[in-house]
Amino acid sequence: MKRLNIFERYLSVWVALCLIAGILIGRAFPSVVATVREVEFGTGSQINLPIAVLIWLMIVPMMMKIDFLAIRQVGKNPKGLLVTLFVNWMVKPFSMAAVSWFFFRHVFSHWLSPADANQYVAGTIILAAAPCTAMVFVWSYLTDGDPAYTLVQVSLNDLLMLVLFAPIIRYLVSGTTSLSVPFRVLFYSVAAFIVIPLFVGVVLRAVLIRRRGKEWFANEFLPKLAPMTILSLLATLVLIFAFQASNLISKWFHVLLIAVPILLQVYFNAGLAYGLMRLTRVRYEVAAPGALIGASNFFELAVATSIALFGAGSGAALATVVGVLIEVPVMLSVCSVCNRTRHWFDPVPGQATPKKEVLSV
């Protein structure tokens, strides 16, 4: 019987506590928070150093779990992967750009200034252009996804982010808003939040496996890093919410408006990926994680990038923070739909359908 650890089981609670803590810190110590916001990775880089360090501590262990050599197995069952990549890179950022532009520039124009609308469009595009890396493994676990195939899907998405993340953001933000997107800052963001942790994770994985073996690495070393990953994630969330404390309180109605296109886009892409998986007769254990990857976002990267581009107190950063707030409950609802509809997919020959434990999160 599957069991989640206390962090995974109460994800929504931890996010809520981080929100409360961040707002309290931001309101009680505004000068301290402002000082932390101004600490850059390098002069002129616009990369917040505390955020960068926390993301490294959080992501490097996650990158160490990924075996990029597994990508060589793609040819054995490519349909699920092709659907995932199509939704993530050919549909998701563009559908988000269209949906957010329609809502913020037209449907919600009565309540938003043009400047705010531009910022929120930019923030939601950045959010959609970053496919989820870490939490997908939790969502896959909850839906009885194939862990090996999920690993391949995440690995290839991470590699594609190296080359597609920056140009997609620049093209879509410049095309739908009047905002300027300096490619130099985007380049620094990709280097700081993707390239560095990816490189460090790959090197450490190779060195440690060569010295101690895969069994020790997987069963002894990686579990010891779990507390660091969790604490880094929680600290990142607190810092993000502290940076946005004033906006979260003064623009609470804007938060509700921002949530609308994000929710629509998440369910649209999850449904599209899931439907295409069924149409192409992909087995359920691949279809469910594929739908979840198409729906969820690498919100830590999105928040850090929006801060680098537009500032910690910007509307773009606020839009990505809203993505953080709704990520957990929305993804749990997608997991629930997948679990209830597994009968839509043909079972693997000779394999019984696994029984699911009812999880209260």
Protein backbone atom coordinates (compact mmCIF):
# COMPACT_ATOMS: atom_id res chain seq x y z
CA MET A 1 0.00 0.00 0.00
CA LYS A 2 1.37 3.40 -0.99
CA ARG A 3 2.17 5.92 1.69
CA LEU A 4 3.15 9.55 1.26
CA ASN A 5 5.52 11.21 3.66
CA ILE A 6 4.15 14.01 5.83
CA PHE A 7 5.47 16.71 3.50
CA GLU A 8 3.77 15.24 0.41
CA ARG A 9 0.53 14.39 2.22
CA TYR A 10 0.01 17.94 3.49
CA LEU A 11 1.44 19.93 0.59
CA SER A 12 -1.47 22.36 0.59
CA VAL A 13 -0.99 23.04 4.30
CA TRP A 14 2.73 23.78 3.91
CA VAL A 15 2.09 26.20 1.05
CA ALA A 16 -0.56 27.98 3.13
CA LEU A 17 1.81 28.25 6.12
CA CYS A 18 4.57 29.59 3.88
CA LEU A 19 2.13 32.16 2.51
CA ILE A 20 1.20 33.34 6.01
CA ALA A 21 4.83 33.40 7.16
CA GLY A 22 5.98 35.27 4.05
CA ILE A 23 3.28 37.93 4.35
CA LEU A 24 3.99 38.43 8.07
CA ILE A 25 7.73 38.78 7.46
CA GLY A 26 7.20 41.10 4.51
CA ARG A 27 4.90 43.38 6.49
CA ALA A 28 6.87 43.27 9.75
CA PHE A 29 10.36 43.73 8.28
CA PRO A 30 9.94 45.63 5.00
CA SER A 31 13.44 47.15 5.06
CA VAL A 32 15.09 43.76 5.61
CA VAL A 33 13.06 42.19 2.81
CA ALA A 34 13.92 45.11 0.51
CA THR A 35 17.62 44.61 1.23
CA VAL A 36 17.38 40.89 0.46
CA ARG A 37 15.55 41.68 -2.78
CA GLU A 38 18.46 43.84 -3.94
CA VAL A 39 21.17 41.21 -3.44
CA GLU A 40 22.16 40.15 -6.97
CA PHE A 41 24.05 37.14 -8.26
CA GLY A 42 26.38 39.49 -10.11
CA THR A 43 26.42 43.19 -10.88
CA GLY A 44 23.77 43.91 -13.48
CA SER A 45 22.59 40.30 -13.68
CA GLN A 46 19.25 41.06 -11.95
CA ILE A 47 19.36 37.50 -10.55
CA ASN A 48 18.41 37.46 -6.87
CA LEU A 49 21.22 35.61 -5.06
CA PRO A 50 19.21 34.23 -2.09
CA ILE A 51 16.58 32.83 -4.48
CA ALA A 52 19.31 31.36 -6.69
CA VAL A 53 21.06 29.62 -3.78
CA LEU A 54 17.81 28.17 -2.45
CA ILE A 55 16.85 26.92 -5.90
CA TRP A 56 20.27 25.28 -6.28
CA LEU A 57 19.87 23.51 -2.93
CA MET A 58 16.42 22.37 -3.96
CA ILE A 59 17.00 21.43 -7.59
CA VAL A 60 20.47 19.85 -7.54
CA PRO A 61 19.25 16.79 -5.58
CA MET A 62 16.31 16.54 -7.99
CA MET A 63 18.64 16.68 -10.98
CA MET A 64 20.77 13.98 -9.37
CA LYS A 65 17.80 11.62 -9.50
CA ILE A 66 17.49 11.98 -13.25
CA ASP A 67 19.29 9.49 -15.46
CA PHE A 68 19.69 11.28 -18.78
CA LEU A 69 21.00 8.06 -20.31
CA ALA A 70 17.43 6.76 -20.03
CA ILE A 71 16.55 8.98 -22.97
CA ARG A 72 18.18 6.34 -25.17
CA GLN A 73 15.15 4.13 -24.45
CA VAL A 74 12.74 6.61 -26.05
CA GLY A 75 12.53 4.68 -29.32
CA LYS A 76 10.92 1.70 -27.61
CA ASN A 77 7.69 3.60 -26.83
CA PRO A 78 7.75 7.08 -28.37
CA LYS A 79 4.03 7.93 -28.58
CA GLY A 80 3.58 9.08 -24.99
CA LEU A 81 6.72 11.16 -25.10
CA LEU A 82 5.75 12.82 -28.39
CA VAL A 83 2.36 13.80 -26.97
CA THR A 84 4.01 15.22 -23.84
CA LEU A 85 6.50 17.27 -25.85
CA PHE A 86 3.82 18.50 -28.25
CA VAL A 87 1.61 19.79 -25.44
CA ASN A 88 4.48 21.25 -23.41
CA TRP A 89 6.26 23.10 -26.18
CA MET A 90 3.85 23.52 -29.12
CA VAL A 91 0.63 24.20 -27.22
CA LYS A 92 1.10 25.19 -23.58
CA PRO A 93 3.04 28.51 -23.80
CA PHE A 94 1.00 29.67 -26.81
CA SER A 95 -2.37 28.73 -25.31
CA MET A 96 -1.41 30.57 -22.13
CA ALA A 97 -0.41 33.64 -24.11
CA ALA A 98 -3.75 33.62 -25.95
CA VAL A 99 -5.90 32.94 -22.89
CA SER A 100 -4.15 35.46 -20.62
CA TRP A 101 -4.16 38.16 -23.33
CA PHE A 102 -7.89 37.64 -23.88
CA PHE A 103 -8.78 37.81 -20.19
CA PHE A 104 -6.42 40.54 -19.00
CA ARG A 105 -6.72 42.82 -22.04
CA HIS A 106 -10.44 42.35 -22.66
CA VAL A 107 -12.56 40.41 -20.14
CA PHE A 108 -10.92 41.97 -17.07
CA SER A 109 -9.98 45.32 -18.63
CA HIS A 110 -12.54 47.14 -16.49
CA TRP A 111 -10.62 46.22 -13.32
CA LEU A 112 -7.03 46.31 -14.60
CA SER A 113 -4.84 49.10 -15.89
CA PRO A 114 -3.01 48.45 -19.19
CA ALA A 115 0.28 48.33 -17.27
CA ASP A 116 -1.03 45.68 -14.86
CA ALA A 117 -2.53 43.69 -17.75
CA ASN A 118 0.82 43.65 -19.54
CA GLN A 119 2.60 42.45 -16.40
CA TYR A 120 0.10 39.68 -15.73
CA VAL A 121 0.23 38.45 -19.32
CA ALA A 122 4.03 38.33 -19.11
CA GLY A 123 4.00 36.49 -15.78
CA THR A 124 1.57 33.81 -16.90
CA ILE A 125 3.56 33.23 -20.10
CA ILE A 126 6.74 32.74 -18.07
CA LEU A 127 4.86 30.30 -15.83
CA ALA A 128 3.58 28.25 -18.77
CA ALA A 129 6.97 28.14 -20.49
CA ALA A 130 8.54 26.22 -17.59
CA PRO A 131 7.42 22.54 -17.52
CA CYS A 132 7.43 20.98 -14.06
CA THR A 133 10.51 19.02 -13.01
CA ALA A 134 10.32 17.98 -9.39
CA MET A 135 6.71 17.66 -8.31
CA VAL A 136 5.82 15.56 -11.36
CA PHE A 137 7.33 12.56 -9.60
CA VAL A 138 4.89 13.06 -6.70
CA TRP A 139 1.94 13.42 -9.08
CA SER A 140 3.08 10.37 -11.04
CA TYR A 141 3.31 8.37 -7.81
CA LEU A 142 -0.25 9.36 -6.85
CA THR A 143 -1.61 8.12 -10.17
CA ASP A 144 0.39 4.88 -10.40
CA GLY A 145 2.42 6.31 -13.25
CA ASP A 146 5.33 4.44 -14.77
CA PRO A 147 8.33 5.92 -12.87
CA ALA A 148 10.86 4.99 -15.55
CA TYR A 149 8.85 6.59 -18.33
CA THR A 150 8.11 9.66 -16.19
CA LEU A 151 11.86 9.97 -15.69
CA VAL A 152 12.41 10.01 -19.45
CA GLN A 153 9.67 12.60 -19.96
CA VAL A 154 11.12 14.91 -17.32
CA SER A 155 14.71 14.42 -18.51
CA LEU A 156 13.95 15.41 -22.09
CA ASN A 157 11.87 18.39 -20.97
CA ASP A 158 14.75 19.62 -18.84
CA LEU A 159 17.13 19.40 -21.78
CA LEU A 160 14.71 21.22 -24.08
CA MET A 161 14.30 23.98 -21.50
CA LEU A 162 17.96 24.84 -22.03
CA VAL A 163 17.27 25.98 -25.59
CA LEU A 164 13.52 26.76 -25.76
CA PHE A 165 12.70 28.54 -22.48
CA ALA A 166 14.36 31.89 -23.25
CA PRO A 167 13.34 32.36 -26.92
CA ILE A 168 9.71 31.32 -26.27
CA ILE A 169 9.37 33.83 -23.43
CA ARG A 170 10.96 36.64 -25.40
CA TYR A 171 8.85 35.98 -28.49
CA LEU A 172 5.51 35.62 -26.70
CA VAL A 173 5.95 38.43 -24.16
CA SER A 174 7.17 40.84 -26.83
CA GLY A 175 4.34 39.80 -29.14
CA THR A 176 1.47 40.14 -26.67
CA THR A 177 2.59 43.10 -24.52
CA SER A 178 4.51 46.35 -24.82
CA LEU A 179 7.09 45.12 -22.34
CA SER A 180 10.77 44.83 -23.20
CA VAL A 181 12.39 41.47 -22.52
CA PRO A 182 16.19 41.77 -22.42
CA PHE A 183 17.68 38.56 -23.77
CA ARG A 184 20.76 39.06 -21.60
CA VAL A 185 18.69 38.72 -18.42
CA LEU A 186 16.89 35.69 -19.83
CA PHE A 187 20.25 34.14 -20.65
CA TYR A 188 21.47 34.74 -17.10
CA SER A 189 18.25 33.22 -15.72
CA VAL A 190 18.65 30.05 -17.79
CA ALA A 191 22.30 29.81 -16.75
CA ALA A 192 21.59 30.39 -13.05
CA PHE A 193 18.41 28.36 -12.60
CA ILE A 194 18.77 25.56 -15.17
CA VAL A 195 22.32 25.13 -16.46
CA ILE A 196 24.19 25.35 -13.14
CA PRO A 197 21.97 22.95 -11.11
CA LEU A 198 21.67 20.61 -14.08
CA PHE A 199 25.43 20.47 -14.59
CA VAL A 200 26.20 20.05 -10.88
CA GLY A 201 23.55 17.35 -10.52
CA VAL A 202 24.76 15.36 -13.52
CA VAL A 203 28.43 15.54 -12.45
CA LEU A 204 27.73 14.60 -8.82
CA ARG A 205 25.51 11.71 -9.90
CA ALA A 206 28.18 10.31 -12.21
CA VAL A 207 30.99 10.69 -9.67
CA LEU A 208 29.10 9.21 -6.73
CA ILE A 209 27.71 6.25 -8.71
CA ARG A 210 31.17 5.50 -10.06
CA ARG A 211 32.65 5.52 -6.56
CA ARG A 212 29.91 3.90 -4.47
CA GLY A 213 27.50 2.23 -6.89
CA LYS A 214 23.88 2.82 -7.90
CA GLU A 215 22.34 0.97 -4.96
CA TRP A 216 24.16 3.09 -2.36
CA PHE A 217 23.41 6.25 -4.33
CA ALA A 218 19.68 5.55 -4.65
CA ASN A 219 18.96 3.93 -1.29
CA GLU A 220 21.33 5.72 1.07
CA PHE A 221 22.64 8.98 -0.36
CA LEU A 222 19.57 10.49 -2.04
CA PRO A 223 17.24 9.90 0.95
CA LYS A 224 19.67 11.90 3.12
CA LEU A 225 19.22 14.90 0.82
CA ALA A 226 15.42 14.89 1.09
CA PRO A 227 15.26 17.17 4.17
CA MET A 228 17.51 19.75 2.47
CA THR A 229 15.29 19.74 -0.62
CA ILE A 230 12.12 20.19 1.43
CA LEU A 231 13.56 22.95 3.62
CA SER A 232 14.92 24.77 0.57
CA LEU A 233 11.53 24.63 -1.14
CA LEU A 234 9.73 25.96 1.94
CA ALA A 235 12.32 28.72 2.42
CA THR A 236 11.99 29.67 -1.25
CA LEU A 237 8.21 29.94 -0.90
CA VAL A 238 8.49 32.07 2.25
CA LEU A 239 10.94 34.40 0.51
CA ILE A 240 8.78 34.64 -2.60
CA PHE A 241 5.67 35.47 -0.56
CA ALA A 242 7.64 37.99 1.52
CA PHE A 243 8.75 39.76 -1.67
CA GLN A 244 5.11 39.95 -2.77
CA ALA A 245 3.54 40.64 0.65
CA SER A 246 2.21 44.09 -0.25
CA ASN A 247 0.76 42.96 -3.57
CA LEU A 248 -0.86 39.86 -2.07
CA ILE A 249 -2.68 42.04 0.47
CA SER A 250 -3.44 45.19 -1.52
CA LYS A 251 -4.22 43.41 -4.81
CA TRP A 252 -6.11 40.41 -3.49
CA PHE A 253 -8.82 40.91 -6.13
CA HIS A 254 -6.15 40.84 -8.84
CA VAL A 255 -4.96 37.53 -7.40
CA LEU A 256 -8.42 36.09 -8.01
CA LEU A 257 -8.47 37.45 -11.56
CA ILE A 258 -5.01 36.05 -12.32
CA ALA A 259 -6.10 32.61 -11.10
CA VAL A 260 -8.85 32.36 -13.76
CA PRO A 261 -6.71 32.05 -16.94
CA ILE A 262 -4.13 29.93 -15.12
CA LEU A 263 -6.82 27.46 -14.04
CA LEU A 264 -8.33 27.33 -17.52
CA GLN A 265 -4.95 26.78 -19.11
CA VAL A 266 -3.96 24.05 -16.65
CA TYR A 267 -7.13 22.02 -17.17
CA PHE A 268 -7.08 22.60 -20.93
CA ASN A 269 -3.53 21.29 -21.33
CA ALA A 270 -4.05 18.40 -18.93
CA GLY A 271 -7.21 17.38 -20.78
CA LEU A 272 -5.56 17.79 -24.18
CA ALA A 273 -2.57 15.64 -23.23
CA TYR A 274 -4.77 13.00 -21.58
CA GLY A 275 -7.15 12.92 -24.54
CA LEU A 276 -4.33 12.60 -27.07
CA MET A 277 -2.82 9.79 -25.01
CA ARG A 278 -6.12 7.91 -25.16
CA LEU A 279 -6.56 8.67 -28.86
CA THR A 280 -3.11 7.26 -29.64
CA ARG A 281 -3.76 4.23 -27.38
CA VAL A 282 -0.99 4.98 -24.92
CA ARG A 283 -1.21 2.89 -21.75
CA TYR A 284 -2.56 4.56 -18.62
CA GLU A 285 0.73 4.43 -16.67
CA VAL A 286 2.25 6.72 -19.32
CA ALA A 287 -0.86 8.78 -20.06
CA ALA A 288 -1.44 9.98 -16.48
CA PRO A 289 2.07 11.40 -15.89
CA GLY A 290 1.97 12.88 -19.39
CA ALA A 291 -1.21 14.79 -18.55
CA LEU A 292 0.29 15.94 -15.25
CA ILE A 293 3.50 17.20 -16.88
CA GLY A 294 1.38 19.10 -19.38
CA ALA A 295 -0.61 20.72 -16.57
CA SER A 296 1.97 21.56 -13.91
CA ASN A 297 4.71 24.18 -13.94
CA PHE A 298 8.27 24.66 -12.70
CA PHE A 299 7.03 27.56 -10.60
CA GLU A 300 10.34 28.16 -8.80
CA LEU A 301 12.04 28.85 -12.13
CA ALA A 302 9.11 30.99 -13.31
CA VAL A 303 9.11 33.14 -10.16
CA ALA A 304 12.88 33.59 -10.23
CA THR A 305 12.85 34.54 -13.92
CA SER A 306 10.00 37.03 -13.52
CA ILE A 307 11.84 38.64 -10.61
CA ALA A 308 15.01 38.89 -12.71
CA LEU A 309 13.16 40.41 -15.67
CA PHE A 310 10.70 42.74 -14.00
CA GLY A 311 11.56 42.97 -10.29
CA ALA A 312 10.41 41.25 -7.10
CA GLY A 313 7.45 43.59 -6.63
CA SER A 314 6.27 43.44 -10.23
CA GLY A 315 2.92 42.26 -11.52
CA ALA A 316 4.68 39.54 -13.51
CA ALA A 317 6.18 38.15 -10.32
CA LEU A 318 2.75 38.33 -8.67
CA ALA A 319 1.24 36.30 -11.53
CA THR A 320 3.81 33.54 -11.10
CA VAL A 321 3.22 33.58 -7.33
CA VAL A 322 -0.48 32.94 -7.98
CA GLY A 323 0.69 29.89 -9.92
CA VAL A 324 2.42 28.72 -6.75
CA LEU A 325 -0.74 29.20 -4.69
CA ILE A 326 -3.00 27.13 -6.93
CA GLU A 327 -0.47 24.51 -8.09
CA VAL A 328 -1.02 21.96 -5.35
CA PRO A 329 -4.84 21.82 -5.10
CA VAL A 330 -5.22 21.98 -8.87
CA MET A 331 -2.74 19.18 -9.51
CA LEU A 332 -4.35 17.02 -6.84
CA SER A 333 -7.67 17.47 -8.65
CA VAL A 334 -6.03 16.37 -11.93
CA CYS A 335 -4.60 13.33 -10.13
CA SER A 336 -8.09 12.50 -8.88
CA VAL A 337 -9.54 12.68 -12.39
CA CYS A 338 -6.80 10.40 -13.72
CA ASN A 339 -7.37 7.84 -10.99
CA ARG A 340 -11.13 7.81 -11.65
CA THR A 341 -10.74 7.39 -15.41
CA ARG A 342 -8.02 4.74 -15.66
CA HIS A 343 -10.69 2.39 -17.06
CA TRP A 344 -10.68 4.52 -20.23
CA PHE A 345 -7.36 2.96 -21.15
CA ASP A 346 -6.74 -0.61 -22.21
CA PRO A 347 -4.87 -2.51 -19.47
CA VAL A 348 -1.42 -3.82 -20.18
CA PRO A 349 -1.77 -7.49 -21.26
CA GLY A 350 -1.23 -9.85 -18.33
CA GLN A 351 -1.16 -7.03 -15.79
CA ALA A 352 -3.88 -6.50 -13.21
CA THR A 353 -5.12 -2.99 -12.57
CA PRO A 354 -3.53 -1.85 -9.29
CA LYS A 355 -5.77 -0.88 -6.43
CA LYS A 356 -5.57 2.71 -5.30
CA GLU A 357 -5.40 3.93 -1.76
CA VAL A 358 -7.68 6.87 -1.04
CA LEU A 359 -5.39 9.74 -0.12
CA SER A 360 -6.50 12.72 1.92
CA VAL A 361 -4.31 15.70 1.20
